[in-house]
Amino acid sequence: NTTISYGKEYTNNSTTGVSPDFKEIRNIEVKPGNGRFVNETDIRDR
């Protein structure tokens, strides 16, 4: 139940911290052109 907002818009979602392997374990799909998932540099540099 974390609050996520952008400008005047907001929503309540669960927020989950993960490592890069999570993408393959959960079969998370990030389609081409829609950016990327968490990587090792994100983990190391917080």
All heavy atoms as atom14 arrays in JSON, in Angstrom:
{
  "sequence": "NTTISYGKEYTNNSTTGVSPDFKEIRNIEVKPGNGRFVNETDIRDR",
  "atom14_mask": [
    [1, 1, 1, 1, 1, 1, 1, 1, 0, 0, 0, 0, 0, 0],
    [1, 1, 1, 1, 1, 1, 1, 0, 0, 0, 0, 0, 0, 0],
    [1, 1, 1, 1, 1, 1, 1, 0, 0, 0, 0, 0, 0, 0],
    [1, 1, 1, 1, 1, 1, 1, 1, 0, 0, 0, 0, 0, 0],
    [1, 1, 1, 1, 1, 1, 0, 0, 0, 0, 0, 0, 0, 0],
    [1, 1, 1, 1, 1, 1, 1, 1, 1, 1, 1, 1, 0, 0],
    [1, 1, 1, 1, 0, 0, 0, 0, 0, 0, 0, 0, 0, 0],
    [1, 1, 1, 1, 1, 1, 1, 1, 1, 0, 0, 0, 0, 0],
    [1, 1, 1, 1, 1, 1, 1, 1, 1, 0, 0, 0, 0, 0],
    [1, 1, 1, 1, 1, 1, 1, 1, 1, 1, 1, 1, 0, 0],
    [1, 1, 1, 1, 1, 1, 1, 0, 0, 0, 0, 0, 0, 0],
    [1, 1, 1, 1, 1, 1, 1, 1, 0, 0, 0, 0, 0, 0],
    [1, 1, 1, 1, 1, 1, 1, 1, 0, 0, 0, 0, 0, 0],
    [1, 1, 1, 1, 1, 1, 0, 0, 0, 0, 0, 0, 0, 0],
    [1, 1, 1, 1, 1, 1, 1, 0, 0, 0, 0, 0, 0, 0],
    [1, 1, 1, 1, 1, 1, 1, 0, 0, 0, 0, 0, 0, 0],
    [1, 1, 1, 1, 0, 0, 0, 0, 0, 0, 0, 0, 0, 0],
    [1, 1, 1, 1, 1, 1, 1, 0, 0, 0, 0, 0, 0, 0],
    [1, 1, 1, 1, 1, 1, 0, 0, 0, 0, 0, 0, 0, 0],
    [1, 1, 1, 1, 1, 1, 1, 0, 0, 0, 0, 0, 0, 0],
    [1, 1, 1, 1, 1, 1, 1, 1, 0, 0, 0, 0, 0, 0],
    [1, 1, 1, 1, 1, 1, 1, 1, 1, 1, 1, 0, 0, 0],
    [1, 1, 1, 1, 1, 1, 1, 1, 1, 0, 0, 0, 0, 0],
    [1, 1, 1, 1, 1, 1, 1, 1, 1, 0, 0, 0, 0, 0],
    [1, 1, 1, 1, 1, 1, 1, 1, 0, 0, 0, 0, 0, 0],
    [1, 1, 1, 1, 1, 1, 1, 1, 1, 1, 1, 0, 0, 0],
    [1, 1, 1, 1, 1, 1, 1, 1, 0, 0, 0, 0, 0, 0],
    [1, 1, 1, 1, 1, 1, 1, 1, 0, 0, 0, 0, 0, 0],
    [1, 1, 1, 1, 1, 1, 1, 1, 1, 0, 0, 0, 0, 0],
    [1, 1, 1, 1, 1, 1, 1, 0, 0, 0, 0, 0, 0, 0],
    [1, 1, 1, 1, 1, 1, 1, 1, 1, 0, 0, 0, 0, 0],
    [1, 1, 1, 1, 1, 1, 1, 0, 0, 0, 0, 0, 0, 0],
    [1, 1, 1, 1, 0, 0, 0, 0, 0, 0, 0, 0, 0, 0],
    [1, 1, 1, 1, 1, 1, 1, 1, 0, 0, 0, 0, 0, 0],
    [1, 1, 1, 1, 0, 0, 0, 0, 0, 0, 0, 0, 0, 0],
    [1, 1, 1, 1, 1, 1, 1, 1, 1, 1, 1, 0, 0, 0],
    [1, 1, 1, 1, 1, 1, 1, 1, 1, 1, 1, 0, 0, 0],
    [1, 1, 1, 1, 1, 1, 1, 0, 0, 0, 0, 0, 0, 0],
    [1, 1, 1, 1, 1, 1, 1, 1, 0, 0, 0, 0, 0, 0],
    [1, 1, 1, 1, 1, 1, 1, 1, 1, 0, 0, 0, 0, 0],
    [1, 1, 1, 1, 1, 1, 1, 0, 0, 0, 0, 0, 0, 0],
    [1, 1, 1, 1, 1, 1, 1, 1, 0, 0, 0, 0, 0, 0],
    [1, 1, 1, 1, 1, 1, 1, 1, 0, 0, 0, 0, 0, 0],
    [1, 1, 1, 1, 1, 1, 1, 1, 1, 1, 1, 0, 0, 0],
    [1, 1, 1, 1, 1, 1, 1, 1, 0, 0, 0, 0, 0, 0],
    [1, 1, 1, 1, 1, 1, 1, 1, 1, 1, 1, 0, 0, 0]
  ],
  "atom14_positions": [
    [[0.82, -1.22, 0.0], [0.0, 0.0, 0.0], [0.85, 1.27, 0.0], [0.63, 2.19, 0.79], [-0.95, 0.0, 1.21], [-2.12, 0.95, 1.01], [-2.57, 1.16, -0.1], [-2.6, 1.53, 2.11], [0.0, 0.0, 0.0], [0.0, 0.0, 0.0], [0.0, 0.0, 0.0], [0.0, 0.0, 0.0], [0.0, 0.0, 0.0], [0.0, 0.0, 0.0]],
    [[1.82, 1.33, -0.88], [2.62, 2.54, -1.03], [1.93, 3.49, -2.01], [1.3, 3.06, -2.98], [4.03, 2.22, -1.56], [3.91, 1.42, -2.74], [4.83, 1.46, -0.53], [0.0, 0.0, 0.0], [0.0, 0.0, 0.0], [0.0, 0.0, 0.0], [0.0, 0.0, 0.0], [0.0, 0.0, 0.0], [0.0, 0.0, 0.0], [0.0, 0.0, 0.0]],
    [[2.05, 4.78, -1.75], [1.43, 5.79, -2.62], [2.43, 6.22, -3.68], [3.54, 6.66, -3.37], [0.98, 7.0, -1.8], [0.03, 6.59, -0.81], [0.34, 8.05, -2.7], [0.0, 0.0, 0.0], [0.0, 0.0, 0.0], [0.0, 0.0, 0.0], [0.0, 0.0, 0.0], [0.0, 0.0, 0.0], [0.0, 0.0, 0.0], [0.0, 0.0, 0.0]],
    [[2.02, 6.1, -4.93], [2.86, 6.49, -6.07], [2.14, 7.63, -6.78], [0.97, 7.52, -7.13], [3.05, 5.31, -7.03], [3.63, 4.11, -6.27], [3.95, 5.68, -8.2], [3.55, 2.82, -7.02], [0.0, 0.0, 0.0], [0.0, 0.0, 0.0], [0.0, 0.0, 0.0], [0.0, 0.0, 0.0], [0.0, 0.0, 0.0], [0.0, 0.0, 0.0]],
    [[2.84, 8.73, -7.01], [2.19, 9.89, -7.6], [3.04, 10.51, -8.71], [4.27, 10.4, -8.72], [1.91, 10.96, -6.52], [3.12, 11.42, -5.94], [0.0, 0.0, 0.0], [0.0, 0.0, 0.0], [0.0, 0.0, 0.0], [0.0, 0.0, 0.0], [0.0, 0.0, 0.0], [0.0, 0.0, 0.0], [0.0, 0.0, 0.0], [0.0, 0.0, 0.0]],
    [[2.32, 11.14, -9.63], [2.96, 11.93, -10.7], [2.07, 13.14, -10.93], [0.95, 13.01, -11.42], [3.09, 11.11, -11.98], [3.67, 11.91, -13.13], [5.03, 12.2, -13.2], [2.85, 12.38, -14.16], [5.56, 12.94, -14.24], [3.37, 13.11, -15.21], [4.72, 13.4, -15.24], [5.25, 14.15, -16.27], [0.0, 0.0, 0.0], [0.0, 0.0, 0.0]],
    [[2.58, 14.3, -10.55], [1.75, 15.5, -10.61], [0.56, 15.36, -9.67], [0.72, 15.07, -8.48], [0.0, 0.0, 0.0], [0.0, 0.0, 0.0], [0.0, 0.0, 0.0], [0.0, 0.0, 0.0], [0.0, 0.0, 0.0], [0.0, 0.0, 0.0], [0.0, 0.0, 0.0], [0.0, 0.0, 0.0], [0.0, 0.0, 0.0], [0.0, 0.0, 0.0]],
    [[-0.65, 15.52, -10.22], [-1.86, 15.4, -9.41], [-2.42, 13.98, -9.4], [-3.38, 13.7, -8.68], [-2.93, 16.36, -9.94], [-2.55, 17.83, -9.79], [-3.67, 18.73, -10.31], [-3.3, 20.19, -10.16], [-4.38, 21.1, -10.66], [0.0, 0.0, 0.0], [0.0, 0.0, 0.0], [0.0, 0.0, 0.0], [0.0, 0.0, 0.0], [0.0, 0.0, 0.0]],
    [[-1.85, 13.12, -10.21], [-2.34, 11.74, -10.29], [-1.61, 10.86, -9.28], [-0.4, 11.03, -9.06], [-2.15, 11.18, -11.7], [-2.79, 12.0, -12.79], [-4.31, 12.04, -12.69], [-4.88, 11.09, -12.1], [-4.91, 13.01, -13.18], [0.0, 0.0, 0.0], [0.0, 0.0, 0.0], [0.0, 0.0, 0.0], [0.0, 0.0, 0.0], [0.0, 0.0, 0.0]],
    [[-2.34, 9.92, -8.67], [-1.69, 9.01, -7.74], [-2.44, 7.68, -7.71], [-3.6, 7.57, -8.13], [-1.63, 9.61, -6.34], [-2.97, 9.73, -5.66], [-3.43, 8.72, -4.81], [-3.79, 10.85, -5.86], [-4.67, 8.82, -4.2], [-5.02, 10.96, -5.25], [-5.46, 9.94, -4.41], [-6.69, 10.04, -3.81], [0.0, 0.0, 0.0], [0.0, 0.0, 0.0]],
    [[-1.78, 6.66, -7.21], [-2.38, 5.34, -7.05], [-1.68, 4.62, -5.91], [-0.55, 4.97, -5.55], [-2.27, 4.51, -8.35], [-2.89, 3.23, -8.16], [-0.82, 4.27, -8.73], [0.0, 0.0, 0.0], [0.0, 0.0, 0.0], [0.0, 0.0, 0.0], [0.0, 0.0, 0.0], [0.0, 0.0, 0.0], [0.0, 0.0, 0.0], [0.0, 0.0, 0.0]],
    [[-2.34, 3.64, -5.34], [-1.74, 2.83, -4.27], [-1.41, 1.44, -4.82], [-2.27, 0.76, -5.37], [-2.7, 2.7, -3.09], [-2.89, 4.02, -2.36], [-1.95, 4.78, -2.21], [-4.11, 4.28, -1.91], [0.0, 0.0, 0.0], [0.0, 0.0, 0.0], [0.0, 0.0, 0.0], [0.0, 0.0, 0.0], [0.0, 0.0, 0.0], [0.0, 0.0, 0.0]],
    [[-0.18, 1.06, -4.67], [0.29, -0.24, -5.17], [1.22, -0.88, -4.15], [1.74, -0.21, -3.26], [1.08, -0.07, -6.48], [0.21, 0.34, -7.65], [-0.27, 1.47, -7.71], [-0.01, -0.57, -8.57], [0.0, 0.0, 0.0], [0.0, 0.0, 0.0], [0.0, 0.0, 0.0], [0.0, 0.0, 0.0], [0.0, 0.0, 0.0], [0.0, 0.0, 0.0]],
    [[1.43, -2.19, -4.34], [2.5, -2.84, -3.59], [3.8, -2.58, -4.33], [3.83, -2.57, -5.56], [2.24, -4.35, -3.47], [2.21, -4.94, -4.75], [0.0, 0.0, 0.0], [0.0, 0.0, 0.0], [0.0, 0.0, 0.0], [0.0, 0.0, 0.0], [0.0, 0.0, 0.0], [0.0, 0.0, 0.0], [0.0, 0.0, 0.0], [0.0, 0.0, 0.0]],
    [[4.86, -2.34, -3.59], [6.18, -2.07, -4.17], [7.13, -3.18, -3.73], [7.19, -3.5, -2.55], [6.71, -0.7, -3.71], [5.77, 0.31, -4.08], [8.05, -0.39, -4.35], [0.0, 0.0, 0.0], [0.0, 0.0, 0.0], [0.0, 0.0, 0.0], [0.0, 0.0, 0.0], [0.0, 0.0, 0.0], [0.0, 0.0, 0.0], [0.0, 0.0, 0.0]],
    [[7.85, -3.75, -4.68], [8.71, -4.89, -4.39], [10.12, -4.63, -4.87], [10.35, -4.32, -6.04], [8.18, -6.17, -5.05], [6.82, -6.38, -4.68], [9.01, -7.37, -4.63], [0.0, 0.0, 0.0], [0.0, 0.0, 0.0], [0.0, 0.0, 0.0], [0.0, 0.0, 0.0], [0.0, 0.0, 0.0], [0.0, 0.0, 0.0], [0.0, 0.0, 0.0]],
    [[11.07, -4.75, -3.95], [12.48, -4.66, -4.3], [12.99, -6.03, -4.71], [12.75, -7.02, -4.01], [0.0, 0.0, 0.0], [0.0, 0.0, 0.0], [0.0, 0.0, 0.0], [0.0, 0.0, 0.0], [0.0, 0.0, 0.0], [0.0, 0.0, 0.0], [0.0, 0.0, 0.0], [0.0, 0.0, 0.0], [0.0, 0.0, 0.0], [0.0, 0.0, 0.0]],
    [[13.66, -6.08, -5.86], [14.11, -7.37, -6.41], [15.51, -7.22, -7.0], [16.03, -6.11, -7.15], [13.14, -7.88, -7.5], [11.76, -8.14, -6.94], [13.06, -6.88, -8.66], [0.0, 0.0, 0.0], [0.0, 0.0, 0.0], [0.0, 0.0, 0.0], [0.0, 0.0, 0.0], [0.0, 0.0, 0.0], [0.0, 0.0, 0.0], [0.0, 0.0, 0.0]],
    [[16.08, -8.37, -7.37], [17.35, -8.38, -8.09], [17.06, -8.73, -9.55], [15.94, -9.1, -9.9], [18.29, -9.41, -7.47], [17.85, -10.72, -7.77], [0.0, 0.0, 0.0], [0.0, 0.0, 0.0], [0.0, 0.0, 0.0], [0.0, 0.0, 0.0], [0.0, 0.0, 0.0], [0.0, 0.0, 0.0], [0.0, 0.0, 0.0], [0.0, 0.0, 0.0]],
    [[18.04, -8.62, -10.46], [17.79, -8.88, -11.88], [17.22, -10.26, -12.19], [16.46, -10.42, -13.15], [19.17, -8.69, -12.51], [19.87, -7.73, -11.61], [19.39, -8.08, -10.24], [0.0, 0.0, 0.0], [0.0, 0.0, 0.0], [0.0, 0.0, 0.0], [0.0, 0.0, 0.0], [0.0, 0.0, 0.0], [0.0, 0.0, 0.0], [0.0, 0.0, 0.0]],
    [[17.58, -11.28, -11.39], [17.09, -12.64, -11.66], [15.57, -12.77, -11.56], [14.97, -13.7, -12.1], [17.73, -13.64, -10.69], [19.15, -14.01, -11.09], [19.57, -13.63, -12.2], [19.84, -14.67, -10.28], [0.0, 0.0, 0.0], [0.0, 0.0, 0.0], [0.0, 0.0, 0.0], [0.0, 0.0, 0.0], [0.0, 0.0, 0.0], [0.0, 0.0, 0.0]],
    [[14.95, -11.81, -10.87], [13.5, -11.85, -10.68], [12.77, -11.88, -12.02], [11.72, -12.5, -12.16], [13.06, -10.64, -9.86], [11.61, -10.65, -9.44], [11.21, -11.29, -8.29], [10.64, -9.99, -10.2], [9.88, -11.29, -7.88], [9.31, -9.99, -9.82], [8.93, -10.63, -8.66], [0.0, 0.0, 0.0], [0.0, 0.0, 0.0], [0.0, 0.0, 0.0]],
    [[13.31, -11.2, -13.01], [12.68, -11.12, -14.33], [12.5, -12.5, -14.95], [11.44, -12.8, -15.51], [13.53, -10.24, -15.26], [12.93, -10.0, -16.64], [13.81, -9.02, -17.42], [13.16, -8.68, -18.77], [13.19, -9.8, -19.7], [0.0, 0.0, 0.0], [0.0, 0.0, 0.0], [0.0, 0.0, 0.0], [0.0, 0.0, 0.0], [0.0, 0.0, 0.0]],
    [[13.54, -13.35, -14.85], [13.44, -14.69, -15.43], [12.6, -15.62, -14.55], [11.86, -16.47, -15.06], [14.83, -15.3, -15.6], [15.6, -14.81, -16.82], [16.03, -13.36, -16.7], [16.35, -12.94, -15.56], [16.02, -12.64, -17.71], [0.0, 0.0, 0.0], [0.0, 0.0, 0.0], [0.0, 0.0, 0.0], [0.0, 0.0, 0.0], [0.0, 0.0, 0.0]],
    [[12.7, -15.45, -13.24], [11.94, -16.32, -12.33], [10.43, -16.1, -12.5], [9.65, -17.04, -12.52], [12.36, -16.08, -10.87], [13.83, -16.48, -10.68], [11.46, -16.84, -9.91], [14.41, -16.08, -9.35], [0.0, 0.0, 0.0], [0.0, 0.0, 0.0], [0.0, 0.0, 0.0], [0.0, 0.0, 0.0], [0.0, 0.0, 0.0], [0.0, 0.0, 0.0]],
    [[10.04, -14.84, -12.64], [8.62, -14.51, -12.76], [8.16, -14.33, -14.21], [7.0, -14.02, -14.45], [8.32, -13.23, -11.98], [8.33, -13.38, -10.48], [7.1, -14.15, -9.99], [6.95, -14.04, -8.56], [6.19, -13.13, -7.95], [5.52, -12.25, -8.67], [6.11, -13.1, -6.64], [0.0, 0.0, 0.0], [0.0, 0.0, 0.0], [0.0, 0.0, 0.0]],
    [[9.07, -14.48, -15.15], [8.74, -14.29, -16.57], [8.14, -12.9, -16.81], [7.11, -12.76, -17.49], [7.77, -15.37, -17.05], [8.42, -16.73, -17.15], [9.59, -16.84, -17.52], [7.69, -17.79, -16.82], [0.0, 0.0, 0.0], [0.0, 0.0, 0.0], [0.0, 0.0, 0.0], [0.0, 0.0, 0.0], [0.0, 0.0, 0.0], [0.0, 0.0, 0.0]],
    [[8.77, -11.89, -16.26], [8.34, -10.52, -16.47], [8.66, -10.11, -17.9], [9.79, -10.3, -18.38], [9.04, -9.56, -15.49], [8.74, -9.96, -14.04], [8.62, -8.11, -15.76], [7.3, -9.83, -13.63], [0.0, 0.0, 0.0], [0.0, 0.0, 0.0], [0.0, 0.0, 0.0], [0.0, 0.0, 0.0], [0.0, 0.0, 0.0], [0.0, 0.0, 0.0]],
    [[7.68, -9.54, -18.59], [7.89, -9.14, -19.99], [7.99, -7.62, -20.1], [7.07, -6.9, -19.76], [6.73, -9.64, -20.86], [6.9, -9.27, -22.32], [5.71, -9.67, -23.17], [4.66, -10.02, -22.58], [5.82, -9.62, -24.42], [0.0, 0.0, 0.0], [0.0, 0.0, 0.0], [0.0, 0.0, 0.0], [0.0, 0.0, 0.0], [0.0, 0.0, 0.0]],
    [[9.13, -7.16, -20.57], [9.32, -5.75, -20.92], [9.47, -5.7, -22.43], [10.49, -6.11, -22.98], [10.56, -5.15, -20.22], [10.71, -3.68, -20.62], [10.44, -5.27, -18.71], [0.0, 0.0, 0.0], [0.0, 0.0, 0.0], [0.0, 0.0, 0.0], [0.0, 0.0, 0.0], [0.0, 0.0, 0.0], [0.0, 0.0, 0.0], [0.0, 0.0, 0.0]],
    [[8.43, -5.24, -23.1], [8.42, -5.26, -24.55], [9.44, -4.28, -25.13], [9.8, -3.29, -24.48], [7.03, -4.93, -25.07], [5.97, -5.96, -24.69], [4.6, -5.56, -25.19], [3.55, -6.61, -24.81], [2.19, -6.22, -25.23], [0.0, 0.0, 0.0], [0.0, 0.0, 0.0], [0.0, 0.0, 0.0], [0.0, 0.0, 0.0], [0.0, 0.0, 0.0]],
    [[9.93, -4.55, -26.35], [10.87, -3.62, -27.0], [10.3, -2.21, -27.07], [9.13, -2.02, -27.42], [11.04, -4.22, -28.4], [10.74, -5.68, -28.23], [9.68, -5.75, -27.17], [0.0, 0.0, 0.0], [0.0, 0.0, 0.0], [0.0, 0.0, 0.0], [0.0, 0.0, 0.0], [0.0, 0.0, 0.0], [0.0, 0.0, 0.0], [0.0, 0.0, 0.0]],
    [[11.12, -1.25, -26.7], [10.68, 0.14, -26.69], [10.09, 0.58, -25.37], [9.77, 1.77, -25.2], [0.0, 0.0, 0.0], [0.0, 0.0, 0.0], [0.0, 0.0, 0.0], [0.0, 0.0, 0.0], [0.0, 0.0, 0.0], [0.0, 0.0, 0.0], [0.0, 0.0, 0.0], [0.0, 0.0, 0.0], [0.0, 0.0, 0.0], [0.0, 0.0, 0.0]],
    [[9.93, -0.37, -24.43], [9.34, -0.04, -23.12], [10.38, -0.02, -22.01], [10.07, -0.23, -20.84], [8.24, -1.03, -22.75], [6.93, -0.72, -23.47], [6.81, 0.3, -24.13], [5.97, -1.6, -23.36], [0.0, 0.0, 0.0], [0.0, 0.0, 0.0], [0.0, 0.0, 0.0], [0.0, 0.0, 0.0], [0.0, 0.0, 0.0], [0.0, 0.0, 0.0]],
    [[11.64, 0.21, -22.37], [12.68, 0.34, -21.36], [13.3, -0.99, -20.97], [13.44, -1.89, -21.78], [0.0, 0.0, 0.0], [0.0, 0.0, 0.0], [0.0, 0.0, 0.0], [0.0, 0.0, 0.0], [0.0, 0.0, 0.0], [0.0, 0.0, 0.0], [0.0, 0.0, 0.0], [0.0, 0.0, 0.0], [0.0, 0.0, 0.0], [0.0, 0.0, 0.0]],
    [[13.62, -1.11, -19.69], [14.36, -2.28, -19.2], [13.89, -2.67, -17.81], [13.06, -1.97, -17.19], [15.85, -1.95, -19.15], [16.2, -0.8, -18.2], [17.68, -0.58, -18.08], [18.03, 0.54, -17.19], [18.11, 0.46, -15.87], [17.83, -0.69, -15.25], [18.43, 1.51, -15.14], [0.0, 0.0, 0.0], [0.0, 0.0, 0.0], [0.0, 0.0, 0.0]],
    [[14.48, -3.76, -17.3], [14.21, -4.2, -15.94], [15.39, -3.81, -15.06], [16.35, -3.17, -15.49], [13.97, -5.72, -15.92], [13.27, -6.21, -14.69], [11.95, -5.87, -14.43], [13.93, -6.99, -13.75], [11.3, -6.31, -13.29], [13.3, -7.45, -12.61], [11.98, -7.1, -12.38], [0.0, 0.0, 0.0], [0.0, 0.0, 0.0], [0.0, 0.0, 0.0]],
    [[15.33, -4.19, -13.79], [16.41, -3.92, -12.84], [17.69, -4.61, -13.3], [17.65, -5.76, -13.77], [16.01, -4.43, -11.44], [17.18, -4.32, -10.46], [14.8, -3.65, -10.92], [0.0, 0.0, 0.0], [0.0, 0.0, 0.0], [0.0, 0.0, 0.0], [0.0, 0.0, 0.0], [0.0, 0.0, 0.0], [0.0, 0.0, 0.0], [0.0, 0.0, 0.0]],
    [[18.84, -3.93, -13.18], [20.13, -4.55, -13.51], [21.08, -4.49, -12.32], [20.76, -3.89, -11.28], [20.75, -3.94, -14.77], [21.0, -2.44, -14.62], [21.33, -1.94, -13.54], [20.87, -1.71, -15.72], [0.0, 0.0, 0.0], [0.0, 0.0, 0.0], [0.0, 0.0, 0.0], [0.0, 0.0, 0.0], [0.0, 0.0, 0.0], [0.0, 0.0, 0.0]],
    [[22.24, -5.09, -12.47], [23.21, -5.16, -11.37], [23.72, -3.78, -10.95], [24.0, -3.54, -9.78], [24.38, -6.07, -11.76], [24.03, -7.54, -11.91], [23.63, -8.19, -10.59], [23.86, -7.57, -9.52], [23.08, -9.31, -10.63], [0.0, 0.0, 0.0], [0.0, 0.0, 0.0], [0.0, 0.0, 0.0], [0.0, 0.0, 0.0], [0.0, 0.0, 0.0]],
    [[23.86, -2.88, -11.92], [24.32, -1.53, -11.59], [23.32, -0.82, -10.69], [23.7, -0.08, -9.77], [24.55, -0.72, -12.88], [25.45, -1.42, -13.73], [25.13, 0.66, -12.57], [0.0, 0.0, 0.0], [0.0, 0.0, 0.0], [0.0, 0.0, 0.0], [0.0, 0.0, 0.0], [0.0, 0.0, 0.0], [0.0, 0.0, 0.0], [0.0, 0.0, 0.0]],
    [[22.03, -1.04, -10.95], [20.99, -0.46, -10.09], [21.15, -0.94, -8.65], [21.02, -0.15, -7.7], [19.6, -0.85, -10.6], [19.28, -0.3, -11.97], [19.82, 0.76, -12.32], [18.48, -0.93, -12.69], [0.0, 0.0, 0.0], [0.0, 0.0, 0.0], [0.0, 0.0, 0.0], [0.0, 0.0, 0.0], [0.0, 0.0, 0.0], [0.0, 0.0, 0.0]],
    [[21.43, -2.24, -8.49], [21.6, -2.82, -7.16], [22.83, -2.22, -6.47], [22.77, -1.79, -5.3], [21.73, -4.35, -7.25], [20.48, -4.98, -7.89], [21.99, -4.95, -5.87], [19.24, -4.92, -7.09], [0.0, 0.0, 0.0], [0.0, 0.0, 0.0], [0.0, 0.0, 0.0], [0.0, 0.0, 0.0], [0.0, 0.0, 0.0], [0.0, 0.0, 0.0]],
    [[23.94, -2.2, -7.2], [25.2, -1.76, -6.61], [25.15, -0.28, -6.22], [25.62, 0.11, -5.13], [26.34, -2.01, -7.6], [27.72, -1.67, -7.04], [28.82, -1.84, -8.07], [28.69, -0.91, -9.17], [28.4, -1.26, -10.42], [28.22, -2.55, -10.72], [28.31, -0.35, -11.37], [0.0, 0.0, 0.0], [0.0, 0.0, 0.0], [0.0, 0.0, 0.0]],
    [[24.58, 0.56, -7.07], [24.59, 2.01, -6.83], [23.35, 2.5, -6.1], [23.17, 3.71, -5.94], [24.71, 2.76, -8.17], [26.02, 2.48, -8.88], [26.95, 1.96, -8.21], [26.12, 2.77, -10.08], [0.0, 0.0, 0.0], [0.0, 0.0, 0.0], [0.0, 0.0, 0.0], [0.0, 0.0, 0.0], [0.0, 0.0, 0.0], [0.0, 0.0, 0.0]],
    [[22.49, 1.59, -5.68], [21.24, 1.95, -5.0], [20.43, 2.98, -5.79], [19.9, 3.96, -5.25], [21.53, 2.5, -3.59], [22.06, 1.46, -2.62], [22.36, 2.08, -1.27], [22.75, 1.06, -0.32], [21.93, 0.55, 0.6], [20.68, 0.96, 0.67], [22.36, -0.38, 1.44], [0.0, 0.0, 0.0], [0.0, 0.0, 0.0], [0.0, 0.0, 0.0]]
  ]
}
